Amino acid sequence: YPGAFTYAGSRRVMLYGSKPAVRAFHGESGRIYLKNEHGLLVCAADRCLWITDAVFADDGSNAVDRLLRYETLATLRGVALSQLDAGRS
């Protein structure tokens, strides 16, 4: 459906603004590596992206301000693994 989103724990985060990182930096997919005036630097295996505008879907609060460096956002792999774990319980 419209818009990009991810999860921070159990909270849905709606992503409204982003821009590609200029410098090459690689890391664990979904991890927030840097937080500064540019936003949140989130990495993947092959590139990084600055998240400049994001809000929590449940209350509309600014996610960029509230998320912390080294927190992890949901990745497809993470979602798939959590579904497998849930199915085993």
Protein backbone atom coordinates (compact mmCIF):
# COMPACT_ATOMS: atom_id res chain seq x y z
CA TYR A 1 0.00 0.00 0.00
CA PRO A 2 1.12 3.58 -0.25
CA GLY A 3 4.30 4.65 1.42
CA ALA A 4 7.35 2.94 2.80
CA PHE A 5 7.45 1.63 6.34
CA THR A 6 9.48 -0.48 8.71
CA TYR A 7 9.24 -1.52 12.33
CA ALA A 8 11.20 -0.45 15.39
CA GLY A 9 10.41 -3.29 17.76
CA SER A 10 6.64 -3.69 17.55
CA ARG A 11 5.99 -0.10 16.43
CA ARG A 12 5.39 0.68 12.75
CA VAL A 13 7.51 3.55 11.45
CA MET A 14 6.27 5.39 8.38
CA LEU A 15 9.14 6.65 6.19
CA TYR A 16 8.36 9.92 4.43
CA GLY A 17 11.76 11.30 3.46
CA SER A 18 15.17 9.89 2.66
CA LYS A 19 18.27 10.50 0.58
CA PRO A 20 21.18 8.27 -0.40
CA ALA A 21 24.40 8.59 1.56
CA VAL A 22 27.23 10.13 -0.44
CA ARG A 23 30.07 8.28 1.31
CA ALA A 24 30.41 4.54 0.93
CA PHE A 25 29.59 2.90 4.23
CA HIS A 26 28.39 -0.65 4.69
CA GLY A 27 26.99 -2.40 7.70
CA GLU A 28 24.36 -4.68 9.12
CA SER A 29 21.07 -4.22 7.29
CA GLY A 30 18.55 -2.12 9.17
CA ARG A 31 20.91 -0.87 11.88
CA ILE A 32 21.00 2.87 12.63
CA TYR A 33 24.70 3.76 12.53
CA LEU A 34 24.60 7.51 12.91
CA LYS A 35 22.15 10.10 14.14
CA ASN A 36 22.79 13.79 13.48
CA GLU A 37 21.34 16.89 11.84
CA HIS A 38 21.02 14.95 8.54
CA GLY A 39 18.72 12.34 10.11
CA LEU A 40 19.33 8.65 10.72
CA LEU A 41 21.97 6.79 8.72
CA VAL A 42 20.59 3.29 8.10
CA CYS A 43 22.74 0.76 6.30
CA ALA A 44 22.27 -2.29 4.15
CA ALA A 45 24.79 -4.74 2.76
CA ASP A 46 25.53 -2.62 -0.31
CA ARG A 47 24.67 1.02 0.58
CA CYS A 48 23.35 3.41 3.19
CA LEU A 49 20.44 5.81 3.30
CA TRP A 50 19.69 8.89 5.37
CA ILE A 51 16.16 8.75 6.81
CA THR A 52 15.19 12.41 7.02
CA ASP A 53 11.49 12.20 7.85
CA ALA A 54 9.76 9.36 9.70
CA VAL A 55 6.91 9.08 12.19
CA PHE A 56 5.51 6.37 14.42
CA ALA A 57 2.21 5.22 12.91
CA ASP A 58 0.50 4.69 16.28
CA ASP A 59 0.83 8.24 17.60
CA GLY A 60 2.34 10.35 14.80
CA SER A 61 5.39 11.29 16.88
CA ASN A 62 8.67 12.04 15.13
CA ALA A 63 10.61 8.78 14.88
CA VAL A 64 13.83 10.46 13.72
CA ASP A 65 14.00 12.32 17.03
CA ARG A 66 13.11 9.29 19.17
CA LEU A 67 15.08 6.44 17.61
CA LEU A 68 18.63 5.93 18.82
CA ARG A 69 21.96 5.10 17.27
CA TYR A 70 22.52 1.33 17.01
CA GLU A 71 18.82 0.50 17.19
CA THR A 72 17.70 -1.92 14.52
CA LEU A 73 14.80 -1.41 12.14
CA ALA A 74 12.98 -4.35 10.61
CA THR A 75 14.47 -6.02 7.56
CA LEU A 76 12.85 -8.63 5.35
CA ARG A 77 15.23 -11.22 6.80
CA GLY A 78 14.35 -10.21 10.35
CA VAL A 79 10.62 -10.38 9.66
CA ALA A 80 10.97 -13.80 8.05
CA LEU A 81 12.99 -15.13 10.99
CA SER A 82 10.50 -13.78 13.54
CA GLN A 83 7.66 -15.46 11.63
CA LEU A 84 9.56 -18.76 11.69
CA ASP A 85 10.16 -18.42 15.44
CA ALA A 86 6.48 -17.61 16.03
CA GLY A 87 5.45 -20.69 14.06
CA ARG A 88 7.63 -22.91 16.22
CA SER A 89 6.01 -21.81 19.50
